[in-house]
Amino acid sequence: MNPALLLASRLSALILAVAVAVHLAVIIHAVRNGLTASALLARTEGNWAFLIFYCIFVLAAAVHAPIGLRLVLSEWFGWEGRLADRLLVAFAILLAALGLRAALAVFLA
């Protein structure tokens, strides 16, 4: 694997590990305290910390997933080359756009 992609994969994995742990801790805390979906949305509306956290989370996922998918497609199907790379970059952009849109929608709810 390309050293830059390997580094990006490892760094994004590190960010995702922390983000997933924080996300799950927040969900567990909310469920145990009986918060409803509307109460959670009320807490996230206009909350800049929420927006920044989830934007970082989304961008890490948008970097990490296509790199892993690239390896799987290469190993399992021999799918490599410029076309594969371009399609995976498009997939990364799509993931980032949809995730950032969702985070912004919750922030502005």
C-alpha atoms as a PDB file:
ATOM      1  CA  MET A   1       0.000   0.000   0.000  1.00  0.00           C
ATOM      2  CA  ASN A   2       1.036   3.561  -0.654  1.00  0.00           C
ATOM      3  CA  PRO A   3       2.720   4.969   2.513  1.00  0.00           C
ATOM      4  CA  ALA A   4       0.530   8.101   2.445  1.00  0.00           C
ATOM      5  CA  LEU A   5      -2.637   5.987   2.301  1.00  0.00           C
ATOM      6  CA  LEU A   6      -1.351   3.773   5.099  1.00  0.00           C
ATOM      7  CA  LEU A   7      -0.709   6.826   7.278  1.00  0.00           C
ATOM      8  CA  ALA A   8      -4.122   8.310   6.436  1.00  0.00           C
ATOM      9  CA  SER A   9      -5.762   4.993   7.258  1.00  0.00           C
ATOM     10  CA  ARG A  10      -4.014   4.706  10.616  1.00  0.00           C
ATOM     11  CA  LEU A  11      -4.646   8.314  11.640  1.00  0.00           C
ATOM     12  CA  SER A  12      -8.301   8.163  10.632  1.00  0.00           C
ATOM     13  CA  ALA A  13      -8.639   4.865  12.545  1.00  0.00           C
ATOM     14  CA  LEU A  14      -7.249   6.545  15.651  1.00  0.00           C
ATOM     15  CA  ILE A  15      -9.717   9.414  15.340  1.00  0.00           C
ATOM     16  CA  LEU A  16     -12.583   6.993  14.690  1.00  0.00           C
ATOM     17  CA  ALA A  17     -11.715   4.885  17.738  1.00  0.00           C
ATOM     18  CA  VAL A  18     -11.971   7.913  20.007  1.00  0.00           C
ATOM     19  CA  ALA A  19     -15.055   9.305  18.239  1.00  0.00           C
ATOM     20  CA  VAL A  20     -16.934   5.999  18.382  1.00  0.00           C
ATOM     21  CA  ALA A  21     -16.125   5.609  22.080  1.00  0.00           C
ATOM     22  CA  VAL A  22     -17.365   9.132  22.859  1.00  0.00           C
ATOM     23  CA  HIS A  23     -20.459   8.649  20.683  1.00  0.00           C
ATOM     24  CA  LEU A  24     -21.366   5.371  22.405  1.00  0.00           C
ATOM     25  CA  ALA A  25     -20.743   6.851  25.859  1.00  0.00           C
ATOM     26  CA  VAL A  26     -23.104   9.730  25.069  1.00  0.00           C
ATOM     27  CA  ILE A  27     -25.781   7.321  23.803  1.00  0.00           C
ATOM     28  CA  ILE A  28     -25.488   5.104  26.883  1.00  0.00           C
ATOM     29  CA  HIS A  29     -25.636   8.145  29.174  1.00  0.00           C
ATOM     30  CA  ALA A  30     -28.704   9.491  27.342  1.00  0.00           C
ATOM     31  CA  VAL A  31     -30.556   6.170  27.420  1.00  0.00           C
ATOM     32  CA  ARG A  32     -29.834   5.593  31.101  1.00  0.00           C
ATOM     33  CA  ASN A  33     -31.122   9.061  31.948  1.00  0.00           C
ATOM     34  CA  GLY A  34     -34.295   8.560  29.906  1.00  0.00           C
ATOM     35  CA  LEU A  35     -33.662  11.299  27.366  1.00  0.00           C
ATOM     36  CA  THR A  36     -35.977  11.237  24.376  1.00  0.00           C
ATOM     37  CA  ALA A  37     -34.947  11.861  20.775  1.00  0.00           C
ATOM     38  CA  SER A  38     -36.500  15.321  20.913  1.00  0.00           C
ATOM     39  CA  ALA A  39     -34.594  16.118  24.112  1.00  0.00           C
ATOM     40  CA  LEU A  40     -31.348  15.023  22.482  1.00  0.00           C
ATOM     41  CA  LEU A  41     -32.044  17.139  19.410  1.00  0.00           C
ATOM     42  CA  ALA A  42     -32.795  20.120  21.633  1.00  0.00           C
ATOM     43  CA  ARG A  43     -29.376  19.713  23.267  1.00  0.00           C
ATOM     44  CA  THR A  44     -27.551  19.514  19.932  1.00  0.00           C
ATOM     45  CA  GLU A  45     -29.284  22.470  18.292  1.00  0.00           C
ATOM     46  CA  GLY A  46     -26.799  25.321  18.053  1.00  0.00           C
ATOM     47  CA  ASN A  47     -24.170  23.370  19.988  1.00  0.00           C
ATOM     48  CA  TRP A  48     -20.824  24.152  18.335  1.00  0.00           C
ATOM     49  CA  ALA A  49     -18.995  21.403  20.223  1.00  0.00           C
ATOM     50  CA  PHE A  50     -21.451  18.874  18.795  1.00  0.00           C
ATOM     51  CA  LEU A  51     -20.985  20.211  15.279  1.00  0.00           C
ATOM     52  CA  ILE A  52     -17.183  20.221  15.442  1.00  0.00           C
ATOM     53  CA  PHE A  53     -17.047  16.736  16.992  1.00  0.00           C
ATOM     54  CA  TYR A  54     -19.342  15.187  14.389  1.00  0.00           C
ATOM     55  CA  CYS A  55     -17.651  16.982  11.480  1.00  0.00           C
ATOM     56  CA  ILE A  56     -14.334  15.483  12.584  1.00  0.00           C
ATOM     57  CA  PHE A  57     -16.045  12.097  13.002  1.00  0.00           C
ATOM     58  CA  VAL A  58     -17.560  12.280   9.500  1.00  0.00           C
ATOM     59  CA  LEU A  59     -14.326  13.373   7.836  1.00  0.00           C
ATOM     60  CA  ALA A  60     -12.367  10.577   9.518  1.00  0.00           C
ATOM     61  CA  ALA A  61     -14.931   8.046   8.285  1.00  0.00           C
ATOM     62  CA  ALA A  62     -14.849   9.555   4.791  1.00  0.00           C
ATOM     63  CA  VAL A  63     -11.073   9.069   4.702  1.00  0.00           C
ATOM     64  CA  HIS A  64     -10.956   5.662   6.368  1.00  0.00           C
ATOM     65  CA  ALA A  65     -13.758   3.773   4.598  1.00  0.00           C
ATOM     66  CA  PRO A  66     -12.629   4.274   0.982  1.00  0.00           C
ATOM     67  CA  ILE A  67      -9.046   3.279   1.812  1.00  0.00           C
ATOM     68  CA  GLY A  68     -10.258   0.038   3.377  1.00  0.00           C
ATOM     69  CA  LEU A  69     -12.660  -0.541   0.511  1.00  0.00           C
ATOM     70  CA  ARG A  70      -9.809   0.011  -1.945  1.00  0.00           C
ATOM     71  CA  LEU A  71      -7.831  -2.784  -0.294  1.00  0.00           C
ATOM     72  CA  VAL A  72     -10.795  -5.156  -0.242  1.00  0.00           C
ATOM     73  CA  LEU A  73     -11.630  -4.510  -3.893  1.00  0.00           C
ATOM     74  CA  SER A  74      -7.994  -4.988  -4.860  1.00  0.00           C
ATOM     75  CA  GLU A  75      -7.507  -8.223  -2.898  1.00  0.00           C
ATOM     76  CA  TRP A  76     -10.839  -9.861  -3.648  1.00  0.00           C
ATOM     77  CA  PHE A  77     -11.541  -8.711  -7.184  1.00  0.00           C
ATOM     78  CA  GLY A  78      -8.214  -7.404  -8.519  1.00  0.00           C
ATOM     79  CA  TRP A  79      -9.895  -4.037  -9.097  1.00  0.00           C
ATOM     80  CA  GLU A  80      -7.100  -1.467  -9.280  1.00  0.00           C
ATOM     81  CA  GLY A  81      -5.953   1.480 -11.314  1.00  0.00           C
ATOM     82  CA  ARG A  82      -7.009   5.029 -11.949  1.00  0.00           C
ATOM     83  CA  LEU A  83     -10.679   4.283 -12.500  1.00  0.00           C
ATOM     84  CA  ALA A  84     -10.924   2.486  -9.160  1.00  0.00           C
ATOM     85  CA  ASP A  85      -9.074   5.310  -7.407  1.00  0.00           C
ATOM     86  CA  ARG A  86     -11.311   7.955  -8.982  1.00  0.00           C
ATOM     87  CA  LEU A  87     -14.479   6.109  -8.052  1.00  0.00           C
ATOM     88  CA  LEU A  88     -13.258   5.703  -4.478  1.00  0.00           C
ATOM     89  CA  VAL A  89     -12.395   9.403  -4.263  1.00  0.00           C
ATOM     90  CA  ALA A  90     -15.937  10.128  -5.482  1.00  0.00           C
ATOM     91  CA  PHE A  91     -17.246   7.731  -2.811  1.00  0.00           C
ATOM     92  CA  ALA A  92     -15.191   9.582  -0.158  1.00  0.00           C
ATOM     93  CA  ILE A  93     -16.595  12.923  -1.298  1.00  0.00           C
ATOM     94  CA  LEU A  94     -20.131  11.519  -1.229  1.00  0.00           C
ATOM     95  CA  LEU A  95     -19.648  10.141   2.310  1.00  0.00           C
ATOM     96  CA  ALA A  96     -18.232  13.454   3.499  1.00  0.00           C
ATOM     97  CA  ALA A  97     -20.989  15.505   1.875  1.00  0.00           C
ATOM     98  CA  LEU A  98     -23.827  13.367   3.236  1.00  0.00           C
ATOM     99  CA  GLY A  99     -22.312  13.127   6.716  1.00  0.00           C
ATOM    100  CA  LEU A 100     -21.561  16.827   6.978  1.00  0.00           C
ATOM    101  CA  ARG A 101     -25.049  17.626   5.731  1.00  0.00           C
ATOM    102  CA  ALA A 102     -26.547  15.405   8.446  1.00  0.00           C
ATOM    103  CA  ALA A 103     -24.408  16.959  11.192  1.00  0.00           C
ATOM    104  CA  LEU A 104     -25.321  20.451  10.029  1.00  0.00           C
ATOM    105  CA  ALA A 105     -29.014  19.547   9.865  1.00  0.00           C
ATOM    106  CA  VAL A 106     -28.975  18.368  13.481  1.00  0.00           C
ATOM    107  CA  PHE A 107     -27.007  21.457  14.518  1.00  0.00           C
ATOM    108  CA  LEU A 108     -29.572  23.725  12.844  1.00  0.00           C
ATOM    109  CA  ALA A 109     -32.647  21.657  13.871  1.00  0.00           C
END
